[in-house]
N, C-alpha and C. Protein backbone atom coordinates (compact mmCIF):
# COMPACT_ATOMS: atom_id res chain seq x y z
N MET A 1 0.86 -1.18 0.00
CA MET A 1 0.00 0.00 0.00
C MET A 1 0.90 1.23 0.00
N SER A 2 0.58 2.17 -0.87
CA SER A 2 1.37 3.39 -0.95
C SER A 2 1.07 4.31 0.23
N PHE A 3 1.94 5.27 0.44
CA PHE A 3 1.73 6.26 1.51
C PHE A 3 0.40 6.98 1.31
N LEU A 4 0.11 7.38 0.08
CA LEU A 4 -1.13 8.12 -0.19
C LEU A 4 -2.36 7.25 0.02
N ASP A 5 -2.31 5.98 -0.39
CA ASP A 5 -3.42 5.05 -0.11
C ASP A 5 -3.66 4.94 1.39
N GLY A 6 -2.59 4.82 2.15
CA GLY A 6 -2.70 4.73 3.61
C GLY A 6 -3.28 5.99 4.23
N LEU A 7 -2.88 7.13 3.72
CA LEU A 7 -3.41 8.40 4.23
C LEU A 7 -4.91 8.52 3.94
N ILE A 8 -5.31 8.17 2.73
CA ILE A 8 -6.73 8.23 2.36
C ILE A 8 -7.54 7.28 3.24
N ARG A 9 -7.01 6.08 3.47
CA ARG A 9 -7.70 5.12 4.33
C ARG A 9 -7.84 5.67 5.75
N TYR A 10 -6.79 6.28 6.27
CA TYR A 10 -6.83 6.86 7.61
C TYR A 10 -7.87 7.97 7.70
N LEU A 11 -7.96 8.81 6.67
CA LEU A 11 -8.95 9.90 6.67
C LEU A 11 -10.38 9.34 6.66
N ARG A 12 -10.61 8.26 5.93
CA ARG A 12 -11.92 7.60 5.96
C ARG A 12 -12.21 7.06 7.36
N PHE A 13 -11.23 6.41 7.96
CA PHE A 13 -11.37 5.86 9.31
C PHE A 13 -11.80 6.96 10.29
N ARG A 14 -11.15 8.11 10.21
CA ARG A 14 -11.49 9.23 11.11
C ARG A 14 -12.91 9.71 10.92
N GLN A 15 -13.40 9.67 9.69
CA GLN A 15 -14.78 10.10 9.44
C GLN A 15 -15.78 9.11 10.03
N VAL A 16 -15.49 7.83 9.94
CA VAL A 16 -16.44 6.78 10.31
C VAL A 16 -16.42 6.46 11.80
N ILE A 17 -15.26 6.43 12.42
CA ILE A 17 -15.13 5.94 13.79
C ILE A 17 -15.99 6.72 14.78
N LYS A 18 -16.21 8.00 14.53
CA LYS A 18 -16.98 8.81 15.48
C LYS A 18 -18.46 8.44 15.52
N TYR A 19 -18.92 7.64 14.56
CA TYR A 19 -20.32 7.21 14.53
C TYR A 19 -20.53 5.78 15.05
N ILE A 20 -19.48 5.14 15.50
CA ILE A 20 -19.58 3.76 15.98
C ILE A 20 -19.94 3.77 17.47
N PRO A 21 -21.10 3.20 17.82
CA PRO A 21 -21.47 3.14 19.25
C PRO A 21 -20.54 2.21 20.03
N ARG A 22 -20.25 2.60 21.26
CA ARG A 22 -19.42 1.76 22.13
C ARG A 22 -20.10 0.40 22.37
N ASN A 23 -19.29 -0.63 22.49
CA ASN A 23 -19.75 -2.00 22.79
C ASN A 23 -20.79 -2.52 21.81
N SER A 24 -20.65 -2.16 20.56
CA SER A 24 -21.61 -2.60 19.55
C SER A 24 -21.05 -3.77 18.75
N LEU A 25 -21.96 -4.51 18.11
CA LEU A 25 -21.60 -5.56 17.16
C LEU A 25 -21.50 -4.89 15.79
N VAL A 26 -20.31 -4.89 15.23
CA VAL A 26 -20.03 -4.18 13.99
C VAL A 26 -19.70 -5.16 12.88
N CYS A 27 -20.27 -4.92 11.71
CA CYS A 27 -19.93 -5.69 10.51
C CYS A 27 -19.30 -4.72 9.52
N ASP A 28 -18.08 -5.01 9.10
CA ASP A 28 -17.39 -4.18 8.11
C ASP A 28 -17.37 -4.95 6.79
N ILE A 29 -18.18 -4.50 5.85
CA ILE A 29 -18.28 -5.14 4.54
C ILE A 29 -17.23 -4.53 3.63
N GLY A 30 -16.39 -5.38 3.07
CA GLY A 30 -15.26 -4.90 2.28
C GLY A 30 -14.14 -4.45 3.19
N CYS A 31 -13.87 -5.23 4.23
CA CYS A 31 -12.92 -4.83 5.28
C CYS A 31 -11.47 -4.80 4.82
N GLY A 32 -11.18 -5.38 3.66
CA GLY A 32 -9.80 -5.42 3.19
C GLY A 32 -9.05 -6.59 3.80
N LYS A 33 -7.94 -6.94 3.18
CA LYS A 33 -7.22 -8.14 3.61
C LYS A 33 -6.60 -8.01 5.00
N ASP A 34 -6.44 -6.78 5.50
CA ASP A 34 -5.88 -6.61 6.84
C ASP A 34 -6.92 -6.18 7.87
N ALA A 35 -8.19 -6.05 7.48
CA ALA A 35 -9.28 -5.69 8.40
C ALA A 35 -8.90 -4.48 9.25
N TYR A 36 -8.33 -3.48 8.62
CA TYR A 36 -7.79 -2.28 9.29
C TYR A 36 -8.79 -1.63 10.24
N PHE A 37 -9.98 -1.35 9.77
CA PHE A 37 -10.96 -0.63 10.60
C PHE A 37 -11.33 -1.44 11.85
N LEU A 38 -11.62 -2.71 11.68
CA LEU A 38 -12.02 -3.54 12.82
C LEU A 38 -10.89 -3.67 13.84
N LYS A 39 -9.68 -3.82 13.37
CA LYS A 39 -8.55 -3.95 14.30
C LYS A 39 -8.29 -2.63 15.03
N LYS A 40 -8.39 -1.52 14.32
CA LYS A 40 -8.16 -0.20 14.94
C LYS A 40 -9.27 0.17 15.92
N SER A 41 -10.47 -0.35 15.73
CA SER A 41 -11.59 0.00 16.60
C SER A 41 -11.89 -1.10 17.63
N ALA A 42 -11.02 -2.07 17.76
CA ALA A 42 -11.27 -3.23 18.64
C ALA A 42 -11.53 -2.84 20.09
N ASN A 43 -10.88 -1.78 20.57
CA ASN A 43 -11.10 -1.37 21.96
C ASN A 43 -12.44 -0.65 22.16
N LEU A 44 -13.09 -0.27 21.08
CA LEU A 44 -14.37 0.44 21.13
C LEU A 44 -15.56 -0.50 20.98
N ILE A 45 -15.41 -1.52 20.15
CA ILE A 45 -16.55 -2.38 19.82
C ILE A 45 -16.57 -3.64 20.69
N LYS A 46 -17.74 -4.26 20.73
CA LYS A 46 -17.89 -5.53 21.46
C LYS A 46 -17.35 -6.69 20.63
N TYR A 47 -17.72 -6.71 19.34
CA TYR A 47 -17.31 -7.78 18.44
C TYR A 47 -17.39 -7.26 17.01
N GLY A 48 -16.49 -7.73 16.17
CA GLY A 48 -16.49 -7.30 14.79
C GLY A 48 -16.51 -8.46 13.82
N PHE A 49 -17.33 -8.32 12.79
CA PHE A 49 -17.38 -9.26 11.67
C PHE A 49 -16.82 -8.53 10.45
N GLY A 50 -15.91 -9.16 9.74
CA GLY A 50 -15.37 -8.56 8.52
C GLY A 50 -15.56 -9.49 7.34
N PHE A 51 -15.98 -8.91 6.23
CA PHE A 51 -16.18 -9.68 5.00
C PHE A 51 -15.41 -9.00 3.87
N ASP A 52 -14.68 -9.80 3.10
CA ASP A 52 -13.94 -9.24 1.97
C ASP A 52 -13.59 -10.37 1.01
N ARG A 53 -13.39 -10.02 -0.25
CA ARG A 53 -13.04 -11.03 -1.25
C ARG A 53 -11.57 -11.44 -1.17
N THR A 54 -10.76 -10.66 -0.43
CA THR A 54 -9.32 -10.95 -0.38
C THR A 54 -8.86 -11.51 0.96
N ILE A 55 -9.77 -11.76 1.88
CA ILE A 55 -9.38 -12.11 3.24
C ILE A 55 -9.41 -13.62 3.47
N GLU A 56 -8.56 -14.07 4.36
CA GLU A 56 -8.58 -15.47 4.80
C GLU A 56 -9.50 -15.58 6.01
N ASN A 57 -10.24 -16.67 6.11
CA ASN A 57 -11.12 -16.89 7.25
C ASN A 57 -10.29 -16.91 8.54
N TYR A 58 -10.82 -16.24 9.57
CA TYR A 58 -10.10 -16.08 10.83
C TYR A 58 -11.11 -15.79 11.93
N LYS A 59 -10.81 -16.24 13.16
CA LYS A 59 -11.70 -15.96 14.28
C LYS A 59 -10.90 -15.90 15.57
N ASP A 60 -11.21 -14.89 16.41
CA ASP A 60 -10.67 -14.84 17.76
C ASP A 60 -11.75 -14.31 18.70
N LYS A 61 -11.39 -13.83 19.88
CA LYS A 61 -12.39 -13.43 20.88
C LYS A 61 -13.22 -12.22 20.48
N LYS A 62 -12.66 -11.33 19.65
CA LYS A 62 -13.36 -10.09 19.31
C LYS A 62 -13.58 -9.90 17.81
N LEU A 63 -13.14 -10.84 17.01
CA LEU A 63 -13.12 -10.61 15.57
C LEU A 63 -13.34 -11.90 14.80
N GLU A 64 -14.18 -11.81 13.76
CA GLU A 64 -14.39 -12.94 12.85
C GLU A 64 -14.33 -12.41 11.43
N LEU A 65 -13.44 -12.97 10.63
CA LEU A 65 -13.25 -12.54 9.24
C LEU A 65 -13.63 -13.68 8.31
N LYS A 66 -14.37 -13.33 7.25
CA LYS A 66 -14.82 -14.35 6.30
C LYS A 66 -14.66 -13.85 4.87
N ARG A 67 -14.22 -14.77 4.02
CA ARG A 67 -14.14 -14.45 2.59
C ARG A 67 -15.56 -14.39 2.03
N ASN A 68 -15.81 -13.37 1.21
CA ASN A 68 -17.11 -13.21 0.56
C ASN A 68 -16.88 -12.44 -0.73
N GLU A 69 -17.27 -12.99 -1.84
CA GLU A 69 -16.98 -12.41 -3.14
C GLU A 69 -17.83 -11.20 -3.51
N GLY A 70 -19.13 -11.30 -3.40
CA GLY A 70 -19.96 -10.22 -3.93
C GLY A 70 -20.84 -9.52 -2.93
N PHE A 71 -20.80 -9.94 -1.69
CA PHE A 71 -21.59 -9.35 -0.61
C PHE A 71 -23.09 -9.43 -0.86
N LYS A 72 -23.51 -10.44 -1.62
CA LYS A 72 -24.95 -10.63 -1.87
C LYS A 72 -25.55 -11.54 -0.81
N ASN A 73 -24.77 -12.47 -0.32
CA ASN A 73 -25.22 -13.41 0.72
C ASN A 73 -24.21 -13.39 1.86
N ILE A 74 -24.48 -12.58 2.85
CA ILE A 74 -23.57 -12.45 3.99
C ILE A 74 -24.00 -13.45 5.05
N SER A 75 -23.06 -14.24 5.51
CA SER A 75 -23.38 -15.35 6.41
C SER A 75 -23.56 -14.88 7.86
N LEU A 76 -24.57 -14.04 8.06
CA LEU A 76 -24.99 -13.60 9.39
C LEU A 76 -26.50 -13.71 9.48
N GLU A 77 -26.99 -13.88 10.69
CA GLU A 77 -28.43 -13.97 10.92
C GLU A 77 -29.11 -12.63 10.66
N ASN A 78 -30.42 -12.68 10.40
CA ASN A 78 -31.21 -11.46 10.28
C ASN A 78 -31.07 -10.64 11.56
N GLU A 79 -30.99 -9.35 11.39
CA GLU A 79 -30.95 -8.39 12.50
C GLU A 79 -29.92 -8.77 13.56
N SER A 80 -28.70 -9.04 13.12
CA SER A 80 -27.65 -9.48 14.03
C SER A 80 -26.60 -8.42 14.36
N CYS A 81 -26.57 -7.30 13.63
CA CYS A 81 -25.53 -6.30 13.83
C CYS A 81 -26.11 -4.95 14.26
N ASP A 82 -25.39 -4.28 15.16
CA ASP A 82 -25.78 -2.93 15.58
C ASP A 82 -25.40 -1.90 14.53
N THR A 83 -24.23 -2.09 13.94
CA THR A 83 -23.69 -1.13 12.99
C THR A 83 -23.02 -1.88 11.85
N ILE A 84 -23.19 -1.34 10.64
CA ILE A 84 -22.51 -1.89 9.46
C ILE A 84 -21.72 -0.75 8.83
N THR A 85 -20.48 -1.04 8.47
CA THR A 85 -19.66 -0.07 7.77
C THR A 85 -19.30 -0.61 6.38
N MET A 86 -19.24 0.31 5.44
CA MET A 86 -18.78 0.01 4.08
C MET A 86 -17.96 1.21 3.63
N MET A 87 -16.65 1.09 3.72
CA MET A 87 -15.78 2.21 3.38
C MET A 87 -15.12 1.97 2.02
N ALA A 88 -15.48 2.82 1.07
CA ALA A 88 -14.94 2.74 -0.29
C ALA A 88 -15.18 1.36 -0.89
N VAL A 89 -16.42 0.89 -0.80
CA VAL A 89 -16.80 -0.43 -1.30
C VAL A 89 -17.86 -0.33 -2.39
N LEU A 90 -18.86 0.50 -2.18
CA LEU A 90 -20.03 0.57 -3.07
C LEU A 90 -19.63 0.75 -4.53
N GLU A 91 -18.59 1.54 -4.78
CA GLU A 91 -18.17 1.84 -6.15
C GLU A 91 -17.56 0.63 -6.85
N HIS A 92 -17.22 -0.42 -6.11
CA HIS A 92 -16.62 -1.62 -6.69
C HIS A 92 -17.64 -2.70 -7.05
N LEU A 93 -18.89 -2.51 -6.69
CA LEU A 93 -19.89 -3.57 -6.82
C LEU A 93 -20.63 -3.52 -8.14
N GLU A 94 -20.86 -4.71 -8.72
CA GLU A 94 -21.65 -4.82 -9.95
C GLU A 94 -23.10 -4.42 -9.69
N ASN A 95 -23.64 -4.86 -8.57
CA ASN A 95 -25.03 -4.54 -8.22
C ASN A 95 -25.08 -4.05 -6.77
N PRO A 96 -24.78 -2.77 -6.56
CA PRO A 96 -24.74 -2.26 -5.19
C PRO A 96 -26.09 -2.32 -4.48
N GLN A 97 -27.18 -2.27 -5.23
CA GLN A 97 -28.51 -2.31 -4.61
C GLN A 97 -28.72 -3.63 -3.87
N GLU A 98 -28.28 -4.74 -4.45
CA GLU A 98 -28.41 -6.05 -3.79
C GLU A 98 -27.65 -6.07 -2.47
N THR A 99 -26.47 -5.50 -2.46
CA THR A 99 -25.67 -5.46 -1.23
C THR A 99 -26.33 -4.58 -0.18
N LEU A 100 -26.90 -3.46 -0.58
CA LEU A 100 -27.59 -2.59 0.38
C LEU A 100 -28.79 -3.30 0.99
N LYS A 101 -29.51 -4.07 0.18
CA LYS A 101 -30.63 -4.85 0.72
C LYS A 101 -30.14 -5.90 1.72
N GLU A 102 -28.99 -6.49 1.44
CA GLU A 102 -28.41 -7.48 2.35
C GLU A 102 -27.97 -6.81 3.66
N THR A 103 -27.43 -5.61 3.58
CA THR A 103 -27.06 -4.90 4.82
C THR A 103 -28.30 -4.61 5.65
N TYR A 104 -29.38 -4.28 4.99
CA TYR A 104 -30.63 -4.01 5.71
C TYR A 104 -31.10 -5.28 6.44
N ARG A 105 -30.95 -6.41 5.80
CA ARG A 105 -31.37 -7.68 6.40
C ARG A 105 -30.60 -7.99 7.68
N ILE A 106 -29.30 -7.79 7.69
CA ILE A 106 -28.49 -8.18 8.85
C ILE A 106 -28.41 -7.10 9.93
N LEU A 107 -28.94 -5.92 9.66
CA LEU A 107 -28.89 -4.82 10.61
C LEU A 107 -30.06 -4.88 11.58
N LYS A 108 -29.78 -4.68 12.86
CA LYS A 108 -30.84 -4.65 13.87
C LYS A 108 -31.72 -3.42 13.67
N LYS A 109 -32.95 -3.47 14.17
CA LYS A 109 -33.83 -2.30 14.15
C LYS A 109 -33.14 -1.17 14.90
N GLN A 110 -33.24 0.03 14.36
CA GLN A 110 -32.56 1.23 14.85
C GLN A 110 -31.04 1.14 14.70
N GLY A 111 -30.56 0.13 13.99
CA GLY A 111 -29.13 0.03 13.73
C GLY A 111 -28.72 1.01 12.65
N GLY A 112 -27.42 1.22 12.52
CA GLY A 112 -26.92 2.19 11.56
C GLY A 112 -25.99 1.61 10.52
N LEU A 113 -26.15 2.10 9.30
CA LEU A 113 -25.22 1.81 8.20
C LEU A 113 -24.41 3.07 7.96
N ILE A 114 -23.09 2.92 7.92
CA ILE A 114 -22.19 4.04 7.67
C ILE A 114 -21.36 3.67 6.46
N LEU A 115 -21.45 4.47 5.41
CA LEU A 115 -20.67 4.16 4.22
C LEU A 115 -20.00 5.39 3.65
N THR A 116 -18.86 5.16 3.03
CA THR A 116 -18.16 6.21 2.31
C THR A 116 -17.99 5.75 0.87
N THR A 117 -17.95 6.72 -0.02
CA THR A 117 -17.72 6.40 -1.43
C THR A 117 -17.21 7.66 -2.13
N PRO A 118 -16.34 7.50 -3.13
CA PRO A 118 -15.91 8.67 -3.88
C PRO A 118 -17.06 9.23 -4.72
N THR A 119 -17.08 10.53 -4.86
CA THR A 119 -18.08 11.18 -5.70
C THR A 119 -17.56 11.21 -7.14
N PRO A 120 -18.43 11.52 -8.11
CA PRO A 120 -17.96 11.64 -9.49
C PRO A 120 -16.85 12.68 -9.66
N LEU A 121 -16.81 13.64 -8.76
CA LEU A 121 -15.75 14.65 -8.79
C LEU A 121 -14.36 14.02 -8.63
N ALA A 122 -14.29 12.90 -7.92
CA ALA A 122 -13.01 12.24 -7.64
C ALA A 122 -12.47 11.43 -8.81
N LYS A 123 -13.32 11.05 -9.75
CA LYS A 123 -12.92 10.12 -10.81
C LYS A 123 -11.66 10.57 -11.56
N PRO A 124 -11.61 11.79 -12.13
CA PRO A 124 -10.40 12.16 -12.88
C PRO A 124 -9.16 12.26 -11.98
N LEU A 125 -9.32 12.73 -10.76
CA LEU A 125 -8.19 12.84 -9.85
C LEU A 125 -7.65 11.46 -9.48
N LEU A 126 -8.55 10.54 -9.12
CA LEU A 126 -8.11 9.19 -8.76
C LEU A 126 -7.43 8.50 -9.93
N GLU A 127 -7.98 8.65 -11.12
CA GLU A 127 -7.38 8.02 -12.30
C GLU A 127 -6.00 8.62 -12.60
N PHE A 128 -5.85 9.92 -12.39
CA PHE A 128 -4.55 10.56 -12.61
C PHE A 128 -3.53 10.09 -11.57
N LEU A 129 -3.94 10.04 -10.31
CA LEU A 129 -3.04 9.55 -9.25
C LEU A 129 -2.65 8.09 -9.49
N ALA A 130 -3.59 7.29 -9.99
CA ALA A 130 -3.28 5.90 -10.33
C ALA A 130 -2.31 5.83 -11.50
N PHE A 131 -2.51 6.67 -12.51
CA PHE A 131 -1.61 6.74 -13.66
C PHE A 131 -0.18 7.05 -13.22
N LEU A 132 -0.06 7.93 -12.21
CA LEU A 132 1.26 8.29 -11.67
C LEU A 132 1.80 7.25 -10.68
N ASN A 133 1.04 6.19 -10.47
CA ASN A 133 1.38 5.13 -9.51
C ASN A 133 1.52 5.64 -8.08
N LEU A 134 0.75 6.67 -7.75
CA LEU A 134 0.74 7.20 -6.39
C LEU A 134 -0.30 6.49 -5.52
N ILE A 135 -1.30 5.89 -6.18
CA ILE A 135 -2.29 5.05 -5.50
C ILE A 135 -2.46 3.78 -6.32
N ASP A 136 -3.10 2.79 -5.74
CA ASP A 136 -3.25 1.48 -6.36
C ASP A 136 -4.11 1.54 -7.62
N LYS A 137 -3.47 1.32 -8.75
CA LYS A 137 -4.14 1.40 -10.05
C LYS A 137 -5.25 0.35 -10.18
N ARG A 138 -5.00 -0.87 -9.68
CA ARG A 138 -6.00 -1.94 -9.79
C ARG A 138 -7.30 -1.57 -9.06
N GLU A 139 -7.16 -0.96 -7.89
CA GLU A 139 -8.35 -0.55 -7.13
C GLU A 139 -9.17 0.48 -7.90
N ILE A 140 -8.50 1.45 -8.48
CA ILE A 140 -9.20 2.52 -9.20
C ILE A 140 -9.83 1.98 -10.48
N MET A 141 -9.14 1.13 -11.20
CA MET A 141 -9.68 0.57 -12.43
C MET A 141 -10.85 -0.38 -12.16
N ASP A 142 -10.97 -0.84 -10.93
CA ASP A 142 -12.07 -1.72 -10.54
C ASP A 142 -13.35 -0.94 -10.21
N HIS A 143 -13.27 0.38 -10.16
CA HIS A 143 -14.47 1.17 -9.87
C HIS A 143 -15.49 1.00 -10.99
N LYS A 144 -16.70 0.63 -10.60
CA LYS A 144 -17.78 0.45 -11.57
C LYS A 144 -18.69 1.67 -11.62
N ASN A 145 -18.73 2.41 -10.52
CA ASN A 145 -19.60 3.59 -10.41
C ASN A 145 -18.96 4.61 -9.49
N TYR A 146 -19.40 5.84 -9.65
CA TYR A 146 -19.12 6.91 -8.69
C TYR A 146 -20.48 7.48 -8.34
N PHE A 147 -20.68 7.82 -7.08
CA PHE A 147 -22.01 8.19 -6.61
C PHE A 147 -22.05 9.57 -5.98
N TRP A 148 -23.06 10.34 -6.35
CA TRP A 148 -23.40 11.54 -5.60
C TRP A 148 -24.26 11.10 -4.42
N PRO A 149 -24.24 11.84 -3.32
CA PRO A 149 -25.06 11.46 -2.16
C PRO A 149 -26.54 11.29 -2.48
N LYS A 150 -27.07 12.08 -3.38
CA LYS A 150 -28.49 11.97 -3.73
C LYS A 150 -28.82 10.57 -4.25
N LYS A 151 -27.96 10.01 -5.10
CA LYS A 151 -28.16 8.67 -5.64
C LYS A 151 -28.07 7.62 -4.52
N ILE A 152 -27.11 7.78 -3.63
CA ILE A 152 -26.97 6.84 -2.51
C ILE A 152 -28.22 6.87 -1.63
N LYS A 153 -28.71 8.07 -1.35
CA LYS A 153 -29.93 8.21 -0.53
C LYS A 153 -31.11 7.50 -1.18
N THR A 154 -31.25 7.63 -2.49
CA THR A 154 -32.33 6.96 -3.21
C THR A 154 -32.19 5.44 -3.09
N MET A 155 -30.99 4.93 -3.31
CA MET A 155 -30.75 3.49 -3.22
C MET A 155 -31.03 2.97 -1.80
N LEU A 156 -30.62 3.72 -0.80
CA LEU A 156 -30.85 3.31 0.59
C LEU A 156 -32.34 3.31 0.92
N ALA A 157 -33.05 4.33 0.48
CA ALA A 157 -34.50 4.39 0.72
C ALA A 157 -35.20 3.21 0.05
N GLN A 158 -34.77 2.85 -1.16
CA GLN A 158 -35.35 1.71 -1.87
C GLN A 158 -35.06 0.39 -1.15
N SER A 159 -34.01 0.36 -0.33
CA SER A 159 -33.66 -0.84 0.43
C SER A 159 -34.35 -0.87 1.79
N GLY A 160 -35.08 0.20 2.15
CA GLY A 160 -35.83 0.22 3.40
C GLY A 160 -35.28 1.15 4.47
N PHE A 161 -34.11 1.74 4.23
CA PHE A 161 -33.50 2.61 5.24
C PHE A 161 -34.27 3.92 5.39
N LYS A 162 -34.13 4.51 6.58
CA LYS A 162 -34.73 5.82 6.86
C LYS A 162 -33.68 6.68 7.54
N GLU A 163 -34.04 7.91 7.85
CA GLU A 163 -33.11 8.83 8.53
C GLU A 163 -31.74 8.81 7.85
N ILE A 164 -31.73 9.15 6.58
CA ILE A 164 -30.50 9.10 5.79
C ILE A 164 -29.87 10.49 5.74
N LYS A 165 -28.60 10.58 6.13
CA LYS A 165 -27.87 11.84 6.11
C LYS A 165 -26.56 11.64 5.36
N SER A 166 -26.17 12.65 4.59
CA SER A 166 -24.91 12.57 3.85
C SER A 166 -24.09 13.83 4.08
N TYR A 167 -22.79 13.64 4.04
CA TYR A 167 -21.84 14.73 4.21
C TYR A 167 -20.69 14.53 3.22
N TYR A 168 -20.12 15.63 2.78
CA TYR A 168 -18.93 15.56 1.95
C TYR A 168 -17.70 15.65 2.84
N PHE A 169 -16.62 15.01 2.43
CA PHE A 169 -15.32 15.22 3.07
C PHE A 169 -14.25 15.09 1.99
N GLU A 170 -13.02 15.36 2.36
CA GLU A 170 -11.90 15.39 1.40
C GLU A 170 -12.23 16.31 0.23
N LEU A 171 -12.65 17.53 0.57
CA LEU A 171 -12.93 18.60 -0.40
C LEU A 171 -14.01 18.23 -1.41
N GLY A 172 -14.95 17.38 -1.02
CA GLY A 172 -16.04 16.99 -1.89
C GLY A 172 -15.72 15.80 -2.78
N PHE A 173 -14.53 15.25 -2.66
CA PHE A 173 -14.16 14.09 -3.46
C PHE A 173 -14.74 12.79 -2.90
N ASN A 174 -15.17 12.81 -1.65
CA ASN A 174 -15.78 11.65 -1.01
C ASN A 174 -17.03 12.07 -0.26
N SER A 175 -17.92 11.11 -0.07
CA SER A 175 -19.10 11.38 0.75
C SER A 175 -19.21 10.32 1.84
N LEU A 176 -19.80 10.75 2.94
CA LEU A 176 -20.09 9.88 4.08
C LEU A 176 -21.60 9.86 4.21
N THR A 177 -22.18 8.69 4.23
CA THR A 177 -23.63 8.55 4.37
C THR A 177 -23.93 7.68 5.57
N ILE A 178 -24.89 8.13 6.37
CA ILE A 178 -25.32 7.41 7.57
C ILE A 178 -26.81 7.17 7.43
N ALA A 179 -27.23 5.92 7.58
CA ALA A 179 -28.64 5.56 7.44
C ALA A 179 -29.06 4.68 8.60
N GLU A 180 -30.32 4.81 8.98
CA GLU A 180 -30.86 4.01 10.09
C GLU A 180 -31.93 3.06 9.56
N LYS A 181 -31.98 1.88 10.16
CA LYS A 181 -33.01 0.90 9.78
C LYS A 181 -34.31 1.24 10.49
């Protein structure tokens, strides 16, 4: 991971961590091969589930990681998580609506979904930084969509979520969306 990739990941972490309730059951969809967010927030959460296409299955007292290719069928019970995070994941999915419906299924009533995604404003900048090999080119070329918050809000409402709020960060190149079940 490049220095710039690490910095961007850290900035996303700072945006999301402040919305994680203490002692909650957290599911991080697209947690990455090192489950960075779950490991960094381990002292805050009760238990963490991580799902990613690049991760090896793993389990300990506070963390369970499972390989999952498309996030369409997440191996958790209905209404089992207090909070779900998806940081820079939605833009990589072939059918993000299916994944949002799945997050709704596994989220407890009054639970929260917290997601970040680059806005369309970020596309040329990310592609240029990837061209210069300053960030991971494979990750950027894997982007299927870029989303404005309005589109994310519509998709979340269609999945059943309510109380949807969005904010820009990183000079409008990224958005943070928080939704309640």
